[in-house]
Amino acid sequence: MEVRRIFEYALQREYEGKRFFEENAKRLSHAAAVEAFKKLAAEEQKHIEYIQRQITLLDQNKTPDMEMGATMEAAGFFTARAASEVIEVTVLEAMVPDLPVLRMAYLIERDFAEFYEKAAGKADGDARKVLETLAYWERRHEELFRQMHDRAFEAYADMPWGG
């Protein structure tokens, strides 16, 4: 398996994810969703830097930098904070117009996680650990957007029809 090609593909996907979050942060109508997308774009930038570091080390015939991932994890992720915040029903109702974008964010993060998990299953040693770390991060993002979408959808489903 060509680890460098997997990292290059992962890097491209992370750039796409970052762009998706940045562009949709400008289009969303609810402040909580906008802030979540802005913070996710910043996290995707961290993923980009992490992957770029691994490619650089690979090109230098050095082992992957597992410490970088541990340091990023120890610094804390927005996802952990965001998932613990409680969004009131009135806020959820305001997010109804953003449901399709929240759903797309969830699907993108799920696809990223699945890609990293499959690639990790084919990798060995530290390369496997790097990919497992990325998969773990993406699963956390996936869960955040699934929760945001599902809670907003429940509020939508409970809304009275016809005003």
N, C-alpha and C. Protein backbone atom coordinates (compact mmCIF):
# COMPACT_ATOMS: atom_id res chain seq x y z
N MET A 1 0.85 -1.19 0.00
CA MET A 1 0.00 0.00 0.00
C MET A 1 0.89 1.25 0.00
N GLU A 2 0.51 2.20 -0.80
CA GLU A 2 1.26 3.44 -0.92
C GLU A 2 0.70 4.47 0.08
N VAL A 3 1.36 4.58 1.22
CA VAL A 3 0.91 5.46 2.29
C VAL A 3 0.90 6.91 1.85
N ARG A 4 1.89 7.31 1.08
CA ARG A 4 1.96 8.70 0.64
C ARG A 4 0.73 9.06 -0.18
N ARG A 5 0.32 8.18 -1.07
CA ARG A 5 -0.86 8.45 -1.90
C ARG A 5 -2.11 8.57 -1.04
N ILE A 6 -2.21 7.77 -0.01
CA ILE A 6 -3.36 7.87 0.91
C ILE A 6 -3.34 9.22 1.62
N PHE A 7 -2.16 9.63 2.09
CA PHE A 7 -2.05 10.93 2.77
C PHE A 7 -2.37 12.07 1.80
N GLU A 8 -1.91 11.97 0.55
CA GLU A 8 -2.21 13.01 -0.44
C GLU A 8 -3.71 13.11 -0.70
N TYR A 9 -4.35 11.96 -0.83
CA TYR A 9 -5.79 11.95 -1.04
C TYR A 9 -6.51 12.52 0.19
N ALA A 10 -6.05 12.13 1.37
CA ALA A 10 -6.64 12.64 2.61
C ALA A 10 -6.48 14.16 2.69
N LEU A 11 -5.33 14.65 2.28
CA LEU A 11 -5.08 16.09 2.30
C LEU A 11 -6.06 16.81 1.38
N GLN A 12 -6.28 16.27 0.20
CA GLN A 12 -7.24 16.86 -0.74
C GLN A 12 -8.64 16.88 -0.13
N ARG A 13 -9.05 15.80 0.48
CA ARG A 13 -10.37 15.72 1.10
C ARG A 13 -10.52 16.72 2.24
N GLU A 14 -9.46 16.87 3.04
CA GLU A 14 -9.51 17.83 4.15
C GLU A 14 -9.65 19.26 3.63
N TYR A 15 -8.95 19.58 2.54
CA TYR A 15 -9.11 20.90 1.93
C TYR A 15 -10.55 21.10 1.46
N GLU A 16 -11.14 20.07 0.86
CA GLU A 16 -12.53 20.16 0.42
C GLU A 16 -13.47 20.37 1.61
N GLY A 17 -13.23 19.63 2.69
CA GLY A 17 -14.05 19.79 3.89
C GLY A 17 -13.93 21.19 4.46
N LYS A 18 -12.71 21.69 4.53
CA LYS A 18 -12.50 23.04 5.06
C LYS A 18 -13.26 24.06 4.21
N ARG A 19 -13.15 23.92 2.90
CA ARG A 19 -13.83 24.85 1.99
C ARG A 19 -15.36 24.76 2.17
N PHE A 20 -15.89 23.55 2.32
CA PHE A 20 -17.32 23.37 2.53
C PHE A 20 -17.77 24.11 3.79
N PHE A 21 -17.03 23.94 4.88
CA PHE A 21 -17.43 24.59 6.13
C PHE A 21 -17.30 26.11 6.04
N GLU A 22 -16.25 26.59 5.40
CA GLU A 22 -16.08 28.05 5.27
C GLU A 22 -17.19 28.66 4.42
N GLU A 23 -17.48 28.04 3.29
CA GLU A 23 -18.50 28.58 2.39
C GLU A 23 -19.89 28.53 3.01
N ASN A 24 -20.21 27.44 3.68
CA ASN A 24 -21.54 27.32 4.26
C ASN A 24 -21.71 28.13 5.54
N ALA A 25 -20.63 28.44 6.22
CA ALA A 25 -20.73 29.31 7.39
C ALA A 25 -21.29 30.68 6.97
N LYS A 26 -20.98 31.08 5.76
CA LYS A 26 -21.46 32.37 5.25
C LYS A 26 -22.93 32.31 4.85
N ARG A 27 -23.43 31.10 4.56
CA ARG A 27 -24.79 30.96 4.04
C ARG A 27 -25.81 30.55 5.09
N LEU A 28 -25.35 30.03 6.22
CA LEU A 28 -26.29 29.55 7.24
C LEU A 28 -27.01 30.71 7.90
N SER A 29 -28.20 30.41 8.40
CA SER A 29 -29.01 31.47 8.99
C SER A 29 -28.93 31.53 10.51
N HIS A 30 -28.50 30.46 11.15
CA HIS A 30 -28.49 30.44 12.61
C HIS A 30 -27.08 30.57 13.15
N ALA A 31 -26.92 31.45 14.14
CA ALA A 31 -25.61 31.76 14.69
C ALA A 31 -24.88 30.53 15.25
N ALA A 32 -25.60 29.63 15.90
CA ALA A 32 -24.95 28.45 16.49
C ALA A 32 -24.37 27.57 15.39
N ALA A 33 -25.10 27.41 14.30
CA ALA A 33 -24.60 26.60 13.18
C ALA A 33 -23.44 27.31 12.49
N VAL A 34 -23.55 28.62 12.33
CA VAL A 34 -22.46 29.39 11.71
C VAL A 34 -21.18 29.22 12.52
N GLU A 35 -21.29 29.37 13.82
CA GLU A 35 -20.11 29.25 14.69
C GLU A 35 -19.55 27.83 14.64
N ALA A 36 -20.40 26.83 14.61
CA ALA A 36 -19.93 25.44 14.52
C ALA A 36 -19.17 25.23 13.22
N PHE A 37 -19.67 25.76 12.13
CA PHE A 37 -19.01 25.59 10.84
C PHE A 37 -17.67 26.33 10.80
N LYS A 38 -17.61 27.51 11.38
CA LYS A 38 -16.34 28.25 11.41
C LYS A 38 -15.29 27.48 12.22
N LYS A 39 -15.72 26.94 13.34
CA LYS A 39 -14.78 26.20 14.18
C LYS A 39 -14.36 24.89 13.52
N LEU A 40 -15.28 24.26 12.80
CA LEU A 40 -14.93 23.03 12.08
C LEU A 40 -13.94 23.33 10.96
N ALA A 41 -14.10 24.46 10.30
CA ALA A 41 -13.13 24.84 9.25
C ALA A 41 -11.75 25.00 9.87
N ALA A 42 -11.69 25.57 11.06
CA ALA A 42 -10.40 25.72 11.75
C ALA A 42 -9.83 24.36 12.14
N GLU A 43 -10.69 23.44 12.54
CA GLU A 43 -10.22 22.09 12.86
C GLU A 43 -9.74 21.36 11.62
N GLU A 44 -10.43 21.55 10.51
CA GLU A 44 -9.98 20.92 9.27
C GLU A 44 -8.59 21.45 8.90
N GLN A 45 -8.34 22.73 9.17
CA GLN A 45 -7.00 23.29 8.92
C GLN A 45 -5.96 22.57 9.77
N LYS A 46 -6.30 22.23 11.00
CA LYS A 46 -5.38 21.48 11.85
C LYS A 46 -5.13 20.09 11.27
N HIS A 47 -6.16 19.48 10.73
CA HIS A 47 -6.00 18.16 10.09
C HIS A 47 -5.07 18.28 8.89
N ILE A 48 -5.23 19.36 8.12
CA ILE A 48 -4.38 19.61 6.96
C ILE A 48 -2.92 19.70 7.40
N GLU A 49 -2.67 20.48 8.44
CA GLU A 49 -1.30 20.64 8.93
C GLU A 49 -0.74 19.31 9.44
N TYR A 50 -1.57 18.53 10.09
CA TYR A 50 -1.17 17.22 10.61
C TYR A 50 -0.77 16.28 9.47
N ILE A 51 -1.59 16.24 8.43
CA ILE A 51 -1.32 15.37 7.29
C ILE A 51 -0.08 15.86 6.53
N GLN A 52 0.02 17.18 6.34
CA GLN A 52 1.18 17.72 5.64
C GLN A 52 2.47 17.36 6.38
N ARG A 53 2.43 17.40 7.70
CA ARG A 53 3.60 17.04 8.50
C ARG A 53 3.98 15.58 8.25
N GLN A 54 2.98 14.71 8.19
CA GLN A 54 3.25 13.29 7.96
C GLN A 54 3.86 13.05 6.58
N ILE A 55 3.39 13.78 5.57
CA ILE A 55 3.92 13.65 4.22
C ILE A 55 5.38 14.12 4.18
N THR A 56 5.65 15.24 4.83
CA THR A 56 7.02 15.75 4.88
C THR A 56 7.96 14.73 5.51
N LEU A 57 7.54 14.16 6.62
CA LEU A 57 8.37 13.16 7.30
C LEU A 57 8.55 11.91 6.44
N LEU A 58 7.50 11.50 5.77
CA LEU A 58 7.57 10.34 4.90
C LEU A 58 8.59 10.58 3.78
N ASP A 59 8.56 11.79 3.21
CA ASP A 59 9.49 12.14 2.14
C ASP A 59 10.94 12.15 2.63
N GLN A 60 11.12 12.39 3.92
CA GLN A 60 12.46 12.41 4.51
C GLN A 60 12.85 11.04 5.08
N ASN A 61 12.02 10.03 4.78
CA ASN A 61 12.24 8.66 5.29
C ASN A 61 12.29 8.61 6.81
N LYS A 62 11.46 9.45 7.44
CA LYS A 62 11.35 9.47 8.90
C LYS A 62 10.01 8.88 9.30
N THR A 63 9.90 8.52 10.55
CA THR A 63 8.65 7.95 11.05
C THR A 63 7.62 9.05 11.27
N PRO A 64 6.33 8.71 11.20
CA PRO A 64 5.28 9.70 11.43
C PRO A 64 5.40 10.36 12.80
N ASP A 65 4.90 11.56 12.87
CA ASP A 65 4.94 12.36 14.10
C ASP A 65 3.67 12.11 14.90
N MET A 66 3.71 11.10 15.75
CA MET A 66 2.56 10.77 16.58
C MET A 66 2.38 11.80 17.70
N GLU A 67 3.44 12.43 18.10
CA GLU A 67 3.36 13.43 19.17
C GLU A 67 2.50 14.62 18.75
N MET A 68 2.57 15.00 17.49
CA MET A 68 1.77 16.12 17.00
C MET A 68 0.28 15.85 17.21
N GLY A 69 -0.16 14.66 16.87
CA GLY A 69 -1.57 14.30 17.07
C GLY A 69 -1.95 14.30 18.53
N ALA A 70 -1.06 13.78 19.37
CA ALA A 70 -1.34 13.76 20.82
C ALA A 70 -1.41 15.17 21.37
N THR A 71 -0.53 16.04 20.89
CA THR A 71 -0.54 17.44 21.33
C THR A 71 -1.83 18.13 20.91
N MET A 72 -2.26 17.88 19.67
CA MET A 72 -3.51 18.48 19.19
C MET A 72 -4.69 17.98 20.01
N GLU A 73 -4.68 16.70 20.32
CA GLU A 73 -5.76 16.11 21.11
C GLU A 73 -5.77 16.70 22.52
N ALA A 74 -4.60 16.84 23.12
CA ALA A 74 -4.51 17.38 24.48
C ALA A 74 -4.96 18.84 24.54
N ALA A 75 -4.74 19.57 23.45
CA ALA A 75 -5.13 20.98 23.41
C ALA A 75 -6.64 21.12 23.43
N GLY A 76 -7.33 20.03 23.11
CA GLY A 76 -8.79 20.05 23.14
C GLY A 76 -9.36 20.43 21.80
N PHE A 77 -10.50 19.88 21.52
CA PHE A 77 -11.18 20.15 20.27
C PHE A 77 -12.49 20.83 20.56
N PHE A 78 -12.88 21.66 19.64
CA PHE A 78 -14.16 22.35 19.74
C PHE A 78 -15.28 21.33 19.85
N THR A 79 -15.18 20.20 19.18
CA THR A 79 -16.26 19.22 19.14
C THR A 79 -16.67 18.79 20.54
N ALA A 80 -15.70 18.56 21.40
CA ALA A 80 -16.01 18.13 22.76
C ALA A 80 -16.80 19.20 23.49
N ARG A 81 -16.42 20.46 23.29
CA ARG A 81 -17.16 21.55 23.93
C ARG A 81 -18.54 21.71 23.33
N ALA A 82 -18.61 21.67 22.00
CA ALA A 82 -19.88 21.89 21.31
C ALA A 82 -20.89 20.79 21.64
N ALA A 83 -20.43 19.56 21.70
CA ALA A 83 -21.34 18.45 21.98
C ALA A 83 -21.92 18.53 23.37
N SER A 84 -21.20 19.17 24.29
CA SER A 84 -21.69 19.26 25.66
C SER A 84 -22.66 20.42 25.87
N GLU A 85 -22.70 21.34 24.90
CA GLU A 85 -23.61 22.48 25.02
C GLU A 85 -25.04 22.04 24.74
N VAL A 86 -25.97 22.59 25.47
CA VAL A 86 -27.38 22.26 25.27
C VAL A 86 -28.00 23.35 24.41
N ILE A 87 -28.66 22.94 23.33
CA ILE A 87 -29.34 23.89 22.45
C ILE A 87 -30.82 23.82 22.76
N GLU A 88 -31.39 24.93 23.11
CA GLU A 88 -32.80 24.97 23.47
C GLU A 88 -33.69 24.76 22.24
N VAL A 89 -34.93 24.33 22.47
CA VAL A 89 -35.85 24.05 21.38
C VAL A 89 -36.09 25.28 20.52
N THR A 90 -36.17 26.45 21.12
CA THR A 90 -36.40 27.65 20.32
C THR A 90 -35.23 27.91 19.38
N VAL A 91 -34.03 27.58 19.83
CA VAL A 91 -32.85 27.72 18.98
C VAL A 91 -32.91 26.68 17.86
N LEU A 92 -33.30 25.46 18.20
CA LEU A 92 -33.39 24.40 17.21
C LEU A 92 -34.39 24.76 16.12
N GLU A 93 -35.52 25.34 16.52
CA GLU A 93 -36.52 25.73 15.53
C GLU A 93 -35.96 26.74 14.54
N ALA A 94 -35.08 27.63 15.04
CA ALA A 94 -34.47 28.62 14.16
C ALA A 94 -33.48 27.97 13.18
N MET A 95 -33.02 26.76 13.49
CA MET A 95 -32.06 26.07 12.64
C MET A 95 -32.73 25.27 11.52
N VAL A 96 -34.05 25.20 11.50
CA VAL A 96 -34.75 24.39 10.50
C VAL A 96 -34.31 24.72 9.07
N PRO A 97 -34.16 25.98 8.67
CA PRO A 97 -33.72 26.25 7.29
C PRO A 97 -32.33 25.68 6.98
N ASP A 98 -31.56 25.40 8.00
CA ASP A 98 -30.20 24.90 7.82
C ASP A 98 -30.11 23.37 7.80
N LEU A 99 -31.24 22.68 7.90
CA LEU A 99 -31.25 21.22 7.95
C LEU A 99 -30.48 20.55 6.81
N PRO A 100 -30.68 20.94 5.55
CA PRO A 100 -29.94 20.27 4.48
C PRO A 100 -28.42 20.44 4.60
N VAL A 101 -27.98 21.60 5.04
CA VAL A 101 -26.55 21.83 5.18
C VAL A 101 -26.00 21.03 6.36
N LEU A 102 -26.74 20.96 7.44
CA LEU A 102 -26.32 20.15 8.59
C LEU A 102 -26.22 18.68 8.19
N ARG A 103 -27.19 18.22 7.40
CA ARG A 103 -27.17 16.83 6.93
C ARG A 103 -25.95 16.58 6.06
N MET A 104 -25.64 17.51 5.16
CA MET A 104 -24.48 17.35 4.29
C MET A 104 -23.19 17.34 5.11
N ALA A 105 -23.11 18.19 6.12
CA ALA A 105 -21.92 18.21 6.98
C ALA A 105 -21.74 16.85 7.66
N TYR A 106 -22.83 16.31 8.16
CA TYR A 106 -22.80 14.99 8.79
C TYR A 106 -22.28 13.93 7.82
N LEU A 107 -22.80 13.93 6.60
CA LEU A 107 -22.41 12.94 5.61
C LEU A 107 -20.94 13.08 5.19
N ILE A 108 -20.48 14.30 5.07
CA ILE A 108 -19.08 14.54 4.73
C ILE A 108 -18.16 13.98 5.82
N GLU A 109 -18.48 14.29 7.05
CA GLU A 109 -17.64 13.80 8.15
C GLU A 109 -17.70 12.29 8.26
N ARG A 110 -18.86 11.70 8.01
CA ARG A 110 -18.99 10.24 8.03
C ARG A 110 -18.12 9.63 6.94
N ASP A 111 -18.16 10.22 5.74
CA ASP A 111 -17.34 9.72 4.64
C ASP A 111 -15.85 9.81 4.97
N PHE A 112 -15.43 10.92 5.57
CA PHE A 112 -14.03 11.07 5.97
C PHE A 112 -13.63 9.96 6.94
N ALA A 113 -14.45 9.75 7.95
CA ALA A 113 -14.16 8.73 8.96
C ALA A 113 -14.05 7.35 8.33
N GLU A 114 -14.99 7.02 7.45
CA GLU A 114 -14.96 5.72 6.79
C GLU A 114 -13.71 5.55 5.94
N PHE A 115 -13.32 6.60 5.22
CA PHE A 115 -12.12 6.54 4.41
C PHE A 115 -10.90 6.25 5.28
N TYR A 116 -10.75 7.01 6.36
CA TYR A 116 -9.60 6.83 7.24
C TYR A 116 -9.60 5.45 7.89
N GLU A 117 -10.76 4.96 8.27
CA GLU A 117 -10.83 3.62 8.88
C GLU A 117 -10.43 2.53 7.89
N LYS A 118 -10.90 2.64 6.66
CA LYS A 118 -10.54 1.65 5.64
C LYS A 118 -9.05 1.72 5.33
N ALA A 119 -8.53 2.93 5.20
CA ALA A 119 -7.11 3.08 4.91
C ALA A 119 -6.27 2.55 6.07
N ALA A 120 -6.70 2.80 7.30
CA ALA A 120 -5.97 2.31 8.47
C ALA A 120 -5.94 0.79 8.49
N GLY A 121 -7.01 0.17 8.02
CA GLY A 121 -7.07 -1.29 7.97
C GLY A 121 -6.07 -1.89 7.00
N LYS A 122 -5.58 -1.09 6.08
CA LYS A 122 -4.61 -1.56 5.10
C LYS A 122 -3.19 -1.10 5.42
N ALA A 123 -3.05 -0.28 6.44
CA ALA A 123 -1.73 0.28 6.79
C ALA A 123 -1.12 -0.48 7.97
N ASP A 124 0.15 -0.22 8.19
CA ASP A 124 0.87 -0.84 9.30
C ASP A 124 1.54 0.23 10.15
N GLY A 125 1.89 -0.15 11.36
CA GLY A 125 2.72 0.67 12.23
C GLY A 125 2.17 2.05 12.49
N ASP A 126 3.09 3.04 12.44
CA ASP A 126 2.71 4.42 12.75
C ASP A 126 1.77 5.01 11.72
N ALA A 127 1.88 4.60 10.46
CA ALA A 127 0.95 5.10 9.44
C ALA A 127 -0.47 4.71 9.81
N ARG A 128 -0.63 3.51 10.32
CA ARG A 128 -1.95 3.05 10.77
C ARG A 128 -2.45 3.92 11.92
N LYS A 129 -1.57 4.24 12.85
CA LYS A 129 -1.95 5.07 13.99
C LYS A 129 -2.37 6.47 13.55
N VAL A 130 -1.66 7.03 12.58
CA VAL A 130 -2.00 8.36 12.05
C VAL A 130 -3.42 8.32 11.47
N LEU A 131 -3.69 7.31 10.66
CA LEU A 131 -5.00 7.20 10.03
C LEU A 131 -6.10 6.92 11.05
N GLU A 132 -5.81 6.13 12.06
CA GLU A 132 -6.78 5.87 13.12
C GLU A 132 -7.09 7.14 13.90
N THR A 133 -6.07 7.97 14.12
CA THR A 133 -6.27 9.24 14.80
C THR A 133 -7.20 10.14 13.99
N LEU A 134 -6.93 10.23 12.70
CA LEU A 134 -7.78 11.04 11.83
C LEU A 134 -9.22 10.52 11.81
N ALA A 135 -9.38 9.20 11.77
CA ALA A 135 -10.72 8.59 11.79
C ALA A 135 -11.45 8.96 13.07
N TYR A 136 -10.74 8.88 14.18
CA TYR A 136 -11.34 9.22 15.48
C TYR A 136 -11.82 10.67 15.49
N TRP A 137 -11.00 11.58 15.01
CA TRP A 137 -11.39 12.99 14.97
C TRP A 137 -12.62 13.19 14.10
N GLU A 138 -12.63 12.55 12.94
CA GLU A 138 -13.77 12.72 12.04
C GLU A 138 -15.04 12.10 12.61
N ARG A 139 -14.93 11.01 13.34
CA ARG A 139 -16.12 10.42 13.97
C ARG A 139 -16.71 11.39 15.00
N ARG A 140 -15.87 12.12 15.69
CA ARG A 140 -16.37 13.11 16.66
C ARG A 140 -17.11 14.22 15.93
N HIS A 141 -16.58 14.67 14.80
CA HIS A 141 -17.27 15.69 14.01
C HIS A 141 -18.60 15.15 13.49
N GLU A 142 -18.56 13.92 13.00
CA GLU A 142 -19.78 13.28 12.49
C GLU A 142 -20.86 13.27 13.56
N GLU A 143 -20.50 12.87 14.76
CA GLU A 143 -21.47 12.78 15.85
C GLU A 143 -22.05 14.16 16.18
N LEU A 144 -21.22 15.18 16.18
CA LEU A 144 -21.71 16.53 16.46
C LEU A 144 -22.78 16.93 15.45
N PHE A 145 -22.49 16.76 14.16
CA PHE A 145 -23.45 17.19 13.15
C PHE A 145 -24.68 16.29 13.11
N ARG A 146 -24.52 15.03 13.42
CA ARG A 146 -25.70 14.15 13.50
C ARG A 146 -26.61 14.64 14.60
N GLN A 147 -26.04 14.97 15.76
CA GLN A 147 -26.85 15.46 16.88
C GLN A 147 -27.52 16.77 16.53
N MET A 148 -26.77 17.70 15.94
CA MET A 148 -27.36 19.00 15.58
C MET A 148 -28.49 18.80 14.58
N HIS A 149 -28.27 17.99 13.56
CA HIS A 149 -29.30 17.75 12.56
C HIS A 149 -30.51 17.08 13.17
N ASP A 150 -30.29 16.01 13.92
CA ASP A 150 -31.41 15.25 14.47
C ASP A 150 -32.24 16.08 15.43
N ARG A 151 -31.59 16.88 16.25
CA ARG A 151 -32.34 17.71 17.20
C ARG A 151 -33.12 18.80 16.48
N ALA A 152 -32.52 19.40 15.46
CA ALA A 152 -33.24 20.42 14.69
C ALA A 152 -34.39 19.79 13.91
N PHE A 153 -34.18 18.59 13.38
CA PHE A 153 -35.24 17.90 12.65
C PHE A 153 -36.40 17.56 13.57
N GLU A 154 -36.11 17.12 14.79
CA GLU A 154 -37.17 16.83 15.77
C GLU A 154 -37.98 18.08 16.05
N ALA A 155 -37.30 19.21 16.21
CA ALA A 155 -38.02 20.46 16.45
C ALA A 155 -38.90 20.80 15.25
N TYR A 156 -38.37 20.56 14.05
CA TYR A 156 -39.14 20.81 12.83
C TYR A 156 -40.37 19.89 12.77
N ALA A 157 -40.17 18.62 13.08
CA ALA A 157 -41.27 17.65 13.02
C ALA A 157 -42.36 17.96 14.03
N ASP A 158 -42.01 18.61 15.12
CA ASP A 158 -42.97 18.96 16.17
C ASP A 158 -43.64 20.32 15.95
N MET A 159 -43.23 21.05 14.92
CA MET A 159 -43.80 22.36 14.67
C MET A 159 -45.25 22.23 14.17
N PRO A 160 -46.10 23.16 14.59
CA PRO A 160 -47.49 23.12 14.08
C PRO A 160 -47.51 23.53 12.61
N TRP A 161 -48.27 22.79 11.82
CA TRP A 161 -48.38 23.10 10.39
C TRP A 161 -49.42 24.19 10.17
N GLY A 162 -49.10 25.11 9.32
CA GLY A 162 -50.04 26.16 8.94
C GLY A 162 -50.02 27.36 9.87
N GLY A 163 -49.03 27.43 10.76
CA GLY A 163 -48.85 28.62 11.58
C GLY A 163 -49.63 28.56 12.80
